[in-house]
Amino acid sequence: MRILNEDENEKELLFVLNDNLADGRDVSWIWDINFDNLKQVTRIITSGTRAYDMAIRIKTANYPVDKIEAYPNLQEAVAKLYQTPIKKYVIANYTALQPTRNEILKNRD
């Protein structure tokens, strides 16, 4: 999150969170992430098996609800992310990393 805030330009964030066996079922660590002071993040899209949990976590940090979009389907989430020309940042946990990368590569062309 620190790196995200060091970029002073307008940006959007895709946060993909899974709780598959290899990830571990316990995602309580998301409550340790500081979402309180996001700078110039104009939209956050959440995806993965725990897309709604991540969206709720971000909402509780007082991020504007109308700027949070949850799409459990990764393909849909990435497609929505690329609907705007704004700079993108992506955070994905273990089992989400490769599928997220693949979807991004498909949408960048």
PDB file of N, CA and C in Angstrom:
ATOM      1  N   MET A   1       0.832  -1.191   0.000  1.00  0.00           N
ATOM      2  CA  MET A   1       0.000   0.000   0.000  1.00  0.00           C
ATOM      3  C   MET A   1       0.874   1.251   0.000  1.00  0.00           C
ATOM      4  N   ARG A   2       2.041   1.130   0.620  1.00  0.00           N
ATOM      5  CA  ARG A   2       2.952   2.268   0.646  1.00  0.00           C
ATOM      6  C   ARG A   2       3.369   2.657  -0.775  1.00  0.00           C
ATOM      7  N   ILE A   3       3.702   1.657  -1.583  1.00  0.00           N
ATOM      8  CA  ILE A   3       4.116   1.914  -2.964  1.00  0.00           C
ATOM      9  C   ILE A   3       2.974   2.550  -3.744  1.00  0.00           C
ATOM     10  N   LEU A   4       1.777   2.075  -3.525  1.00  0.00           N
ATOM     11  CA  LEU A   4       0.604   2.636  -4.176  1.00  0.00           C
ATOM     12  C   LEU A   4       0.470   4.120  -3.848  1.00  0.00           C
ATOM     13  N   ASN A   5       0.675   4.469  -2.597  1.00  0.00           N
ATOM     14  CA  ASN A   5       0.551   5.862  -2.168  1.00  0.00           C
ATOM     15  C   ASN A   5       1.719   6.739  -2.595  1.00  0.00           C
ATOM     16  N   GLU A   6       2.845   6.144  -2.914  1.00  0.00           N
ATOM     17  CA  GLU A   6       3.985   6.938  -3.390  1.00  0.00           C
ATOM     18  C   GLU A   6       3.744   7.468  -4.794  1.00  0.00           C
ATOM     19  N   ASP A   7       2.888   6.815  -5.546  1.00  0.00           N
ATOM     20  CA  ASP A   7       2.514   7.282  -6.875  1.00  0.00           C
ATOM     21  C   ASP A   7       1.417   8.328  -6.700  1.00  0.00           C
ATOM     22  N   GLU A   8       1.721   9.562  -7.012  1.00  0.00           N
ATOM     23  CA  GLU A   8       0.773  10.651  -6.778  1.00  0.00           C
ATOM     24  C   GLU A   8      -0.226  10.846  -7.906  1.00  0.00           C
ATOM     25  N   ASN A   9      -0.152  10.006  -8.938  1.00  0.00           N
ATOM     26  CA  ASN A   9      -1.086  10.098 -10.054  1.00  0.00           C
ATOM     27  C   ASN A   9      -2.388   9.382  -9.737  1.00  0.00           C
ATOM     28  N   GLU A  10      -3.416   9.720 -10.494  1.00  0.00           N
ATOM     29  CA  GLU A  10      -4.691   9.030 -10.369  1.00  0.00           C
ATOM     30  C   GLU A  10      -4.495   7.566 -10.773  1.00  0.00           C
ATOM     31  N   LYS A  11      -5.149   6.654 -10.040  1.00  0.00           N
ATOM     32  CA  LYS A  11      -4.976   5.230 -10.315  1.00  0.00           C
ATOM     33  C   LYS A  11      -6.175   4.432  -9.835  1.00  0.00           C
ATOM     34  N   GLU A  12      -6.230   3.196 -10.321  1.00  0.00           N
ATOM     35  CA  GLU A  12      -7.260   2.250  -9.898  1.00  0.00           C
ATOM     36  C   GLU A  12      -6.560   0.999  -9.386  1.00  0.00           C
ATOM     37  N   LEU A  13      -7.246   0.269  -8.504  1.00  0.00           N
ATOM     38  CA  LEU A  13      -6.663  -0.918  -7.894  1.00  0.00           C
ATOM     39  C   LEU A  13      -7.569  -2.120  -8.122  1.00  0.00           C
ATOM     40  N   LEU A  14      -6.965  -3.220  -8.544  1.00  0.00           N
ATOM     41  CA  LEU A  14      -7.647  -4.506  -8.591  1.00  0.00           C
ATOM     42  C   LEU A  14      -7.028  -5.358  -7.499  1.00  0.00           C
ATOM     43  N   PHE A  15      -7.850  -5.836  -6.577  1.00  0.00           N
ATOM     44  CA  PHE A  15      -7.373  -6.677  -5.479  1.00  0.00           C
ATOM     45  C   PHE A  15      -8.070  -8.033  -5.603  1.00  0.00           C
ATOM     46  N   VAL A  16      -7.291  -9.077  -5.910  1.00  0.00           N
ATOM     47  CA  VAL A  16      -7.846 -10.414  -6.110  1.00  0.00           C
ATOM     48  C   VAL A  16      -7.462 -11.277  -4.913  1.00  0.00           C
ATOM     49  N   LEU A  17      -8.476 -11.789  -4.223  1.00  0.00           N
ATOM     50  CA  LEU A  17      -8.251 -12.562  -3.015  1.00  0.00           C
ATOM     51  C   LEU A  17      -8.957 -13.914  -3.114  1.00  0.00           C
ATOM     52  N   ASN A  18      -8.168 -14.970  -3.041  1.00  0.00           N
ATOM     53  CA  ASN A  18      -8.704 -16.330  -2.999  1.00  0.00           C
ATOM     54  C   ASN A  18      -8.451 -16.940  -1.623  1.00  0.00           C
ATOM     55  N   ASP A  19      -9.238 -17.963  -1.318  1.00  0.00           N
ATOM     56  CA  ASP A  19      -9.020 -18.722  -0.083  1.00  0.00           C
ATOM     57  C   ASP A  19      -8.956 -20.216  -0.398  1.00  0.00           C
ATOM     58  N   ASN A  20      -8.295 -20.524  -1.502  1.00  0.00           N
ATOM     59  CA  ASN A  20      -8.120 -21.928  -1.881  1.00  0.00           C
ATOM     60  C   ASN A  20      -7.185 -22.611  -0.897  1.00  0.00           C
ATOM     61  N   LEU A  21      -7.091 -23.929  -0.983  1.00  0.00           N
ATOM     62  CA  LEU A  21      -6.277 -24.704  -0.050  1.00  0.00           C
ATOM     63  C   LEU A  21      -4.846 -24.173   0.043  1.00  0.00           C
ATOM     64  N   ALA A  22      -4.230 -23.882  -1.089  1.00  0.00           N
ATOM     65  CA  ALA A  22      -2.846 -23.403  -1.090  1.00  0.00           C
ATOM     66  C   ALA A  22      -2.706 -22.000  -0.488  1.00  0.00           C
ATOM     67  N   ASP A  23      -3.785 -21.219  -0.507  1.00  0.00           N
ATOM     68  CA  ASP A  23      -3.759 -19.868   0.069  1.00  0.00           C
ATOM     69  C   ASP A  23      -3.936 -19.909   1.583  1.00  0.00           C
ATOM     70  N   GLY A  24      -4.674 -20.901   2.021  1.00  0.00           N
ATOM     71  CA  GLY A  24      -5.128 -20.940   3.407  1.00  0.00           C
ATOM     72  C   GLY A  24      -6.537 -20.386   3.461  1.00  0.00           C
ATOM     73  N   ARG A  25      -7.369 -20.990   4.228  1.00  0.00           N
ATOM     74  CA  ARG A  25      -8.779 -20.574   4.313  1.00  0.00           C
ATOM     75  C   ARG A  25      -8.979 -19.315   5.156  1.00  0.00           C
ATOM     76  N   ASP A  26      -8.049 -19.047   6.032  1.00  0.00           N
ATOM     77  CA  ASP A  26      -8.162 -17.893   6.934  1.00  0.00           C
ATOM     78  C   ASP A  26      -7.663 -16.634   6.234  1.00  0.00           C
ATOM     79  N   VAL A  27      -8.573 -15.717   5.944  1.00  0.00           N
ATOM     80  CA  VAL A  27      -8.186 -14.451   5.313  1.00  0.00           C
ATOM     81  C   VAL A  27      -8.314 -13.278   6.288  1.00  0.00           C
ATOM     82  N   SER A  28      -8.268 -13.581   7.567  1.00  0.00           N
ATOM     83  CA  SER A  28      -8.404 -12.514   8.565  1.00  0.00           C
ATOM     84  C   SER A  28      -7.280 -11.491   8.469  1.00  0.00           C
ATOM     85  N   TRP A  29      -6.190 -11.835   7.801  1.00  0.00           N
ATOM     86  CA  TRP A  29      -5.065 -10.904   7.644  1.00  0.00           C
ATOM     87  C   TRP A  29      -5.459  -9.663   6.844  1.00  0.00           C
ATOM     88  N   ILE A  30      -6.558  -9.719   6.099  1.00  0.00           N
ATOM     89  CA  ILE A  30      -6.955  -8.533   5.330  1.00  0.00           C
ATOM     90  C   ILE A  30      -7.291  -7.360   6.251  1.00  0.00           C
ATOM     91  N   TRP A  31      -7.606  -7.662   7.514  1.00  0.00           N
ATOM     92  CA  TRP A  31      -7.913  -6.605   8.473  1.00  0.00           C
ATOM     93  C   TRP A  31      -6.649  -5.910   8.972  1.00  0.00           C
ATOM     94  N   ASP A  32      -5.484  -6.454   8.627  1.00  0.00           N
ATOM     95  CA  ASP A  32      -4.205  -5.824   8.985  1.00  0.00           C
ATOM     96  C   ASP A  32      -3.728  -4.847   7.913  1.00  0.00           C
ATOM     97  N   ILE A  33      -4.398  -4.802   6.779  1.00  0.00           N
ATOM     98  CA  ILE A  33      -4.009  -3.903   5.694  1.00  0.00           C
ATOM     99  C   ILE A  33      -4.568  -2.518   5.976  1.00  0.00           C
ATOM    100  N   ASN A  34      -3.738  -1.510   5.815  1.00  0.00           N
ATOM    101  CA  ASN A  34      -4.170  -0.134   6.054  1.00  0.00           C
ATOM    102  C   ASN A  34      -4.712   0.478   4.758  1.00  0.00           C
ATOM    103  N   PHE A  35      -6.017   0.542   4.644  1.00  0.00           N
ATOM    104  CA  PHE A  35      -6.676   1.169   3.502  1.00  0.00           C
ATOM    105  C   PHE A  35      -7.154   2.580   3.843  1.00  0.00           C
ATOM    106  N   ASP A  36      -6.770   3.094   5.002  1.00  0.00           N
ATOM    107  CA  ASP A  36      -7.325   4.355   5.485  1.00  0.00           C
ATOM    108  C   ASP A  36      -6.882   5.592   4.716  1.00  0.00           C
ATOM    109  N   ASN A  37      -5.694   5.580   4.157  1.00  0.00           N
ATOM    110  CA  ASN A  37      -5.166   6.798   3.543  1.00  0.00           C
ATOM    111  C   ASN A  37      -4.758   6.594   2.094  1.00  0.00           C
ATOM    112  N   LEU A  38      -5.629   6.005   1.302  1.00  0.00           N
ATOM    113  CA  LEU A  38      -5.306   5.791  -0.100  1.00  0.00           C
ATOM    114  C   LEU A  38      -5.297   7.126  -0.835  1.00  0.00           C
ATOM    115  N   LYS A  39      -4.224   7.379  -1.559  1.00  0.00           N
ATOM    116  CA  LYS A  39      -4.074   8.645  -2.266  1.00  0.00           C
ATOM    117  C   LYS A  39      -4.311   8.462  -3.757  1.00  0.00           C
ATOM    118  N   GLN A  40      -5.253   9.226  -4.284  1.00  0.00           N
ATOM    119  CA  GLN A  40      -5.533   9.265  -5.713  1.00  0.00           C
ATOM    120  C   GLN A  40      -6.020   7.932  -6.279  1.00  0.00           C
ATOM    121  N   VAL A  41      -6.554   7.059  -5.433  1.00  0.00           N
ATOM    122  CA  VAL A  41      -7.143   5.803  -5.912  1.00  0.00           C
ATOM    123  C   VAL A  41      -8.621   6.095  -6.183  1.00  0.00           C
ATOM    124  N   THR A  42      -8.975   6.131  -7.455  1.00  0.00           N
ATOM    125  CA  THR A  42     -10.317   6.564  -7.829  1.00  0.00           C
ATOM    126  C   THR A  42     -11.333   5.436  -7.903  1.00  0.00           C
ATOM    127  N   ARG A  43     -10.835   4.178  -7.919  1.00  0.00           N
ATOM    128  CA  ARG A  43     -11.752   3.031  -7.961  1.00  0.00           C
ATOM    129  C   ARG A  43     -10.991   1.793  -7.498  1.00  0.00           C
ATOM    130  N   ILE A  44     -11.692   0.929  -6.765  1.00  0.00           N
ATOM    131  CA  ILE A  44     -11.114  -0.347  -6.363  1.00  0.00           C
ATOM    132  C   ILE A  44     -12.060  -1.455  -6.804  1.00  0.00           C
ATOM    133  N   ILE A  45     -11.501  -2.410  -7.528  1.00  0.00           N
ATOM    134  CA  ILE A  45     -12.244  -3.590  -7.950  1.00  0.00           C
ATOM    135  C   ILE A  45     -11.706  -4.770  -7.162  1.00  0.00           C
ATOM    136  N   THR A  46     -12.613  -5.560  -6.604  1.00  0.00           N
ATOM    137  CA  THR A  46     -12.199  -6.764  -5.895  1.00  0.00           C
ATOM    138  C   THR A  46     -12.690  -7.983  -6.665  1.00  0.00           C
ATOM    139  N   SER A  47     -11.933  -9.062  -6.564  1.00  0.00           N
ATOM    140  CA  SER A  47     -12.293 -10.285  -7.259  1.00  0.00           C
ATOM    141  C   SER A  47     -11.757 -11.480  -6.490  1.00  0.00           C
ATOM    142  N   GLY A  48     -12.053 -12.672  -7.027  1.00  0.00           N
ATOM    143  CA  GLY A  48     -11.600 -13.906  -6.395  1.00  0.00           C
ATOM    144  C   GLY A  48     -12.693 -14.531  -5.549  1.00  0.00           C
ATOM    145  N   THR A  49     -12.351 -15.641  -4.912  1.00  0.00           N
ATOM    146  CA  THR A  49     -13.329 -16.357  -4.102  1.00  0.00           C
ATOM    147  C   THR A  49     -13.779 -15.547  -2.893  1.00  0.00           C
ATOM    148  N   ARG A  50     -12.987 -14.582  -2.495  1.00  0.00           N
ATOM    149  CA  ARG A  50     -13.350 -13.731  -1.348  1.00  0.00           C
ATOM    150  C   ARG A  50     -13.498 -12.264  -1.757  1.00  0.00           C
ATOM    151  N   ALA A  51     -14.006 -12.050  -2.967  1.00  0.00           N
ATOM    152  CA  ALA A  51     -14.187 -10.689  -3.491  1.00  0.00           C
ATOM    153  C   ALA A  51     -15.038  -9.826  -2.559  1.00  0.00           C
ATOM    154  N   TYR A  52     -16.113 -10.389  -2.035  1.00  0.00           N
ATOM    155  CA  TYR A  52     -17.009  -9.604  -1.185  1.00  0.00           C
ATOM    156  C   TYR A  52     -16.395  -9.311   0.179  1.00  0.00           C
ATOM    157  N   ASP A  53     -15.626 -10.245   0.708  1.00  0.00           N
ATOM    158  CA  ASP A  53     -14.936  -9.998   1.977  1.00  0.00           C
ATOM    159  C   ASP A  53     -13.959  -8.831   1.828  1.00  0.00           C
ATOM    160  N   MET A  54     -13.249  -8.824   0.695  1.00  0.00           N
ATOM    161  CA  MET A  54     -12.286  -7.751   0.452  1.00  0.00           C
ATOM    162  C   MET A  54     -13.011  -6.415   0.287  1.00  0.00           C
ATOM    163  N   ALA A  55     -14.128  -6.430  -0.412  1.00  0.00           N
ATOM    164  CA  ALA A  55     -14.907  -5.195  -0.604  1.00  0.00           C
ATOM    165  C   ALA A  55     -15.399  -4.650   0.738  1.00  0.00           C
ATOM    166  N   ILE A  56     -15.872  -5.539   1.609  1.00  0.00           N
ATOM    167  CA  ILE A  56     -16.329  -5.104   2.938  1.00  0.00           C
ATOM    168  C   ILE A  56     -15.174  -4.521   3.734  1.00  0.00           C
ATOM    169  N   ARG A  57     -14.018  -5.163   3.652  1.00  0.00           N
ATOM    170  CA  ARG A  57     -12.839  -4.648   4.376  1.00  0.00           C
ATOM    171  C   ARG A  57     -12.513  -3.229   3.929  1.00  0.00           C
ATOM    172  N   ILE A  58     -12.521  -3.005   2.626  1.00  0.00           N
ATOM    173  CA  ILE A  58     -12.204  -1.678   2.090  1.00  0.00           C
ATOM    174  C   ILE A  58     -13.284  -0.673   2.499  1.00  0.00           C
ATOM    175  N   LYS A  59     -14.531  -1.096   2.463  1.00  0.00           N
ATOM    176  CA  LYS A  59     -15.638  -0.227   2.875  1.00  0.00           C
ATOM    177  C   LYS A  59     -15.474   0.214   4.317  1.00  0.00           C
ATOM    178  N   THR A  60     -15.050  -0.690   5.204  1.00  0.00           N
ATOM    179  CA  THR A  60     -14.910  -0.330   6.617  1.00  0.00           C
ATOM    180  C   THR A  60     -13.768   0.646   6.866  1.00  0.00           C
ATOM    181  N   ALA A  61     -12.916   0.836   5.870  1.00  0.00           N
ATOM    182  CA  ALA A  61     -11.836   1.827   5.985  1.00  0.00           C
ATOM    183  C   ALA A  61     -12.316   3.196   5.506  1.00  0.00           C
ATOM    184  N   ASN A  62     -13.630   3.323   5.323  1.00  0.00           N
ATOM    185  CA  ASN A  62     -14.262   4.570   4.896  1.00  0.00           C
ATOM    186  C   ASN A  62     -13.912   4.983   3.474  1.00  0.00           C
ATOM    187  N   TYR A  63     -13.528   4.013   2.652  1.00  0.00           N
ATOM    188  CA  TYR A  63     -13.357   4.294   1.230  1.00  0.00           C
ATOM    189  C   TYR A  63     -14.760   4.429   0.647  1.00  0.00           C
ATOM    190  N   PRO A  64     -14.982   5.368  -0.275  1.00  0.00           N
ATOM    191  CA  PRO A  64     -16.336   5.586  -0.797  1.00  0.00           C
ATOM    192  C   PRO A  64     -16.945   4.321  -1.416  1.00  0.00           C
ATOM    193  N   VAL A  65     -18.100   3.936  -0.924  1.00  0.00           N
ATOM    194  CA  VAL A  65     -18.762   2.706  -1.354  1.00  0.00           C
ATOM    195  C   VAL A  65     -19.051   2.721  -2.853  1.00  0.00           C
ATOM    196  N   ASP A  66     -19.392   3.866  -3.395  1.00  0.00           N
ATOM    197  CA  ASP A  66     -19.718   3.933  -4.818  1.00  0.00           C
ATOM    198  C   ASP A  66     -18.496   3.750  -5.711  1.00  0.00           C
ATOM    199  N   LYS A  67     -17.316   3.670  -5.128  1.00  0.00           N
ATOM    200  CA  LYS A  67     -16.087   3.462  -5.899  1.00  0.00           C
ATOM    201  C   LYS A  67     -15.496   2.070  -5.684  1.00  0.00           C
ATOM    202  N   ILE A  68     -16.274   1.194  -5.036  1.00  0.00           N
ATOM    203  CA  ILE A  68     -15.857  -0.196  -4.817  1.00  0.00           C
ATOM    204  C   ILE A  68     -16.749  -1.089  -5.682  1.00  0.00           C
ATOM    205  N   GLU A  69     -16.111  -1.945  -6.470  1.00  0.00           N
ATOM    206  CA  GLU A  69     -16.840  -2.874  -7.314  1.00  0.00           C
ATOM    207  C   GLU A  69     -16.333  -4.286  -7.030  1.00  0.00           C
ATOM    208  N   ALA A  70     -17.241  -5.205  -6.736  1.00  0.00           N
ATOM    209  CA  ALA A  70     -16.871  -6.590  -6.458  1.00  0.00           C
ATOM    210  C   ALA A  70     -17.368  -7.494  -7.584  1.00  0.00           C
ATOM    211  N   TYR A  71     -16.445  -8.239  -8.153  1.00  0.00           N
ATOM    212  CA  TYR A  71     -16.742  -9.199  -9.212  1.00  0.00           C
ATOM    213  C   TYR A  71     -16.034 -10.509  -8.875  1.00  0.00           C
ATOM    214  N   PRO A  72     -16.734 -11.484  -8.325  1.00  0.00           N
ATOM    215  CA  PRO A  72     -16.087 -12.761  -8.027  1.00  0.00           C
ATOM    216  C   PRO A  72     -15.454 -13.405  -9.261  1.00  0.00           C
ATOM    217  N   ASN A  73     -16.047 -13.184 -10.416  1.00  0.00           N
ATOM    218  CA  ASN A  73     -15.514 -13.718 -11.657  1.00  0.00           C
ATOM    219  C   ASN A  73     -14.329 -12.859 -12.117  1.00  0.00           C
ATOM    220  N   LEU A  74     -13.156 -13.444 -12.157  1.00  0.00           N
ATOM    221  CA  LEU A  74     -11.930 -12.708 -12.489  1.00  0.00           C
ATOM    222  C   LEU A  74     -11.960 -12.129 -13.895  1.00  0.00           C
ATOM    223  N   GLN A  75     -12.472 -12.873 -14.842  1.00  0.00           N
ATOM    224  CA  GLN A  75     -12.535 -12.385 -16.215  1.00  0.00           C
ATOM    225  C   GLN A  75     -13.369 -11.101 -16.290  1.00  0.00           C
ATOM    226  N   GLU A  76     -14.487 -11.102 -15.610  1.00  0.00           N
ATOM    227  CA  GLU A  76     -15.350  -9.911 -15.574  1.00  0.00           C
ATOM    228  C   GLU A  76     -14.652  -8.754 -14.862  1.00  0.00           C
ATOM    229  N   ALA A  77     -13.977  -9.040 -13.760  1.00  0.00           N
ATOM    230  CA  ALA A  77     -13.288  -8.002 -13.000  1.00  0.00           C
ATOM    231  C   ALA A  77     -12.212  -7.315 -13.837  1.00  0.00           C
ATOM    232  N   VAL A  78     -11.417  -8.089 -14.537  1.00  0.00           N
ATOM    233  CA  VAL A  78     -10.343  -7.511 -15.353  1.00  0.00           C
ATOM    234  C   VAL A  78     -10.928  -6.737 -16.530  1.00  0.00           C
ATOM    235  N   ALA A  79     -11.976  -7.251 -17.131  1.00  0.00           N
ATOM    236  CA  ALA A  79     -12.636  -6.518 -18.212  1.00  0.00           C
ATOM    237  C   ALA A  79     -13.145  -5.169 -17.724  1.00  0.00           C
ATOM    238  N   LYS A  80     -13.748  -5.146 -16.542  1.00  0.00           N
ATOM    239  CA  LYS A  80     -14.231  -3.881 -15.964  1.00  0.00           C
ATOM    240  C   LYS A  80     -13.068  -2.940 -15.656  1.00  0.00           C
ATOM    241  N   LEU A  81     -11.967  -3.496 -15.178  1.00  0.00           N
ATOM    242  CA  LEU A  81     -10.791  -2.681 -14.862  1.00  0.00           C
ATOM    243  C   LEU A  81     -10.302  -1.928 -16.092  1.00  0.00           C
ATOM    244  N   TYR A  82     -10.305  -2.595 -17.230  1.00  0.00           N
ATOM    245  CA  TYR A  82      -9.776  -1.987 -18.450  1.00  0.00           C
ATOM    246  C   TYR A  82     -10.787  -1.140 -19.212  1.00  0.00           C
ATOM    247  N   GLN A  83     -11.903  -0.828 -18.611  1.00  0.00           N
ATOM    248  CA  GLN A  83     -12.868   0.061 -19.253  1.00  0.00           C
ATOM    249  C   GLN A  83     -12.447   1.523 -19.174  1.00  0.00           C
ATOM    250  N   THR A  84     -11.463   1.819 -18.358  1.00  0.00           N
ATOM    251  CA  THR A  84     -10.978   3.188 -18.238  1.00  0.00           C
ATOM    252  C   THR A  84      -9.490   3.233 -18.597  1.00  0.00           C
ATOM    253  N   PRO A  85      -8.992   4.400 -19.018  1.00  0.00           N
ATOM    254  CA  PRO A  85      -7.577   4.516 -19.377  1.00  0.00           C
ATOM    255  C   PRO A  85      -6.665   4.855 -18.190  1.00  0.00           C
ATOM    256  N   ILE A  86      -7.228   4.896 -16.999  1.00  0.00           N
ATOM    257  CA  ILE A  86      -6.476   5.299 -15.810  1.00  0.00           C
ATOM    258  C   ILE A  86      -5.426   4.248 -15.464  1.00  0.00           C
ATOM    259  N   LYS A  87      -4.319   4.686 -14.903  1.00  0.00           N
ATOM    260  CA  LYS A  87      -3.239   3.790 -14.484  1.00  0.00           C
ATOM    261  C   LYS A  87      -3.772   2.729 -13.536  1.00  0.00           C
ATOM    262  N   LYS A  88      -3.245   1.510 -13.659  1.00  0.00           N
ATOM    263  CA  LYS A  88      -3.744   0.376 -12.869  1.00  0.00           C
ATOM    264  C   LYS A  88      -2.672  -0.172 -11.929  1.00  0.00           C
ATOM    265  N   TYR A  89      -3.122  -0.648 -10.781  1.00  0.00           N
ATOM    266  CA  TYR A  89      -2.298  -1.416  -9.848  1.00  0.00           C
ATOM    267  C   TYR A  89      -3.072  -2.689  -9.548  1.00  0.00           C
ATOM    268  N   VAL A  90      -2.349  -3.783  -9.373  1.00  0.00           N
ATOM    269  CA  VAL A  90      -2.991  -5.065  -9.117  1.00  0.00           C
ATOM    270  C   VAL A  90      -2.296  -5.752  -7.951  1.00  0.00           C
ATOM    271  N   ILE A  91      -3.105  -6.251  -7.027  1.00  0.00           N
ATOM    272  CA  ILE A  91      -2.616  -7.070  -5.917  1.00  0.00           C
ATOM    273  C   ILE A  91      -3.384  -8.378  -5.978  1.00  0.00           C
ATOM    274  N   ALA A  92      -2.652  -9.493  -5.993  1.00  0.00           N
ATOM    275  CA  ALA A  92      -3.295 -10.809  -6.042  1.00  0.00           C
ATOM    276  C   ALA A  92      -2.557 -11.753  -5.107  1.00  0.00           C
ATOM    277  N   ASN A  93      -3.309 -12.557  -4.372  1.00  0.00           N
ATOM    278  CA  ASN A  93      -2.636 -13.512  -3.494  1.00  0.00           C
ATOM    279  C   ASN A  93      -2.242 -14.763  -4.287  1.00  0.00           C
ATOM    280  N   TYR A  94      -1.683 -15.740  -3.623  1.00  0.00           N
ATOM    281  CA  TYR A  94      -0.972 -16.868  -4.218  1.00  0.00           C
ATOM    282  C   TYR A  94      -1.679 -17.538  -5.404  1.00  0.00           C
ATOM    283  N   THR A  95      -2.834 -18.152  -5.182  1.00  0.00           N
ATOM    284  CA  THR A  95      -3.480 -18.865  -6.284  1.00  0.00           C
ATOM    285  C   THR A  95      -4.153 -17.922  -7.277  1.00  0.00           C
ATOM    286  N   ALA A  96      -4.269 -16.673  -6.935  1.00  0.00           N
ATOM    287  CA  ALA A  96      -4.867 -15.696  -7.840  1.00  0.00           C
ATOM    288  C   ALA A  96      -3.839 -15.078  -8.784  1.00  0.00           C
ATOM    289  N   LEU A  97      -2.574 -15.205  -8.456  1.00  0.00           N
ATOM    290  CA  LEU A  97      -1.536 -14.491  -9.207  1.00  0.00           C
ATOM    291  C   LEU A  97      -1.495 -14.874 -10.683  1.00  0.00           C
ATOM    292  N   GLN A  98      -1.325 -16.130 -10.995  1.00  0.00           N
ATOM    293  CA  GLN A  98      -1.186 -16.538 -12.395  1.00  0.00           C
ATOM    294  C   GLN A  98      -2.467 -16.332 -13.199  1.00  0.00           C
ATOM    295  N   PRO A  99      -3.644 -16.699 -12.672  1.00  0.00           N
ATOM    296  CA  PRO A  99      -4.871 -16.414 -13.431  1.00  0.00           C
ATOM    297  C   PRO A  99      -5.085 -14.908 -13.668  1.00  0.00           C
ATOM    298  N   THR A 100      -4.726 -14.097 -12.693  1.00  0.00           N
ATOM    299  CA  THR A 100      -4.863 -12.647 -12.854  1.00  0.00           C
ATOM    300  C   THR A 100      -3.926 -12.149 -13.947  1.00  0.00           C
ATOM    301  N   ARG A 101      -2.697 -12.609 -13.911  1.00  0.00           N
ATOM    302  CA  ARG A 101      -1.719 -12.228 -14.941  1.00  0.00           C
ATOM    303  C   ARG A 101      -2.238 -12.605 -16.326  1.00  0.00           C
ATOM    304  N   ASN A 102      -2.758 -13.812 -16.465  1.00  0.00           N
ATOM    305  CA  ASN A 102      -3.266 -14.270 -17.757  1.00  0.00           C
ATOM    306  C   ASN A 102      -4.416 -13.394 -18.254  1.00  0.00           C
ATOM    307  N   GLU A 103      -5.334 -13.038 -17.371  1.00  0.00           N
ATOM    308  CA  GLU A 103      -6.471 -12.180 -17.768  1.00  0.00           C
ATOM    309  C   GLU A 103      -5.990 -10.783 -18.158  1.00  0.00           C
ATOM    310  N   ILE A 104      -5.025 -10.258 -17.435  1.00  0.00           N
ATOM    311  CA  ILE A 104      -4.491  -8.936 -17.761  1.00  0.00           C
ATOM    312  C   ILE A 104      -3.846  -8.957 -19.140  1.00  0.00           C
ATOM    313  N   LEU A 105      -3.059  -9.975 -19.427  1.00  0.00           N
ATOM    314  CA  LEU A 105      -2.412 -10.083 -20.733  1.00  0.00           C
ATOM    315  C   LEU A 105      -3.440 -10.163 -21.862  1.00  0.00           C
ATOM    316  N   LYS A 106      -4.539 -10.852 -21.639  1.00  0.00           N
ATOM    317  CA  LYS A 106      -5.605 -10.934 -22.650  1.00  0.00           C
ATOM    318  C   LYS A 106      -6.238  -9.572 -22.890  1.00  0.00           C
ATOM    319  N   ASN A 107      -6.391  -8.777 -21.841  1.00  0.00           N
ATOM    320  CA  ASN A 107      -7.099  -7.498 -21.952  1.00  0.00           C
ATOM    321  C   ASN A 107      -6.211  -6.343 -22.390  1.00  0.00           C
ATOM    322  N   ARG A 108      -4.928  -6.506 -22.306  1.00  0.00           N
ATOM    323  CA  ARG A 108      -4.013  -5.415 -22.674  1.00  0.00           C
ATOM    324  C   ARG A 108      -3.903  -5.233 -24.166  1.00  0.00           C
ATOM    325  N   ASP A 109      -4.236  -6.249 -24.941  1.00  0.00           N
ATOM    326  CA  ASP A 109      -4.070  -6.180 -26.419  1.00  0.00           C
ATOM    327  C   ASP A 109      -5.119  -5.346 -27.077  1.00  0.00           C
TER     328      ASP A 109
END
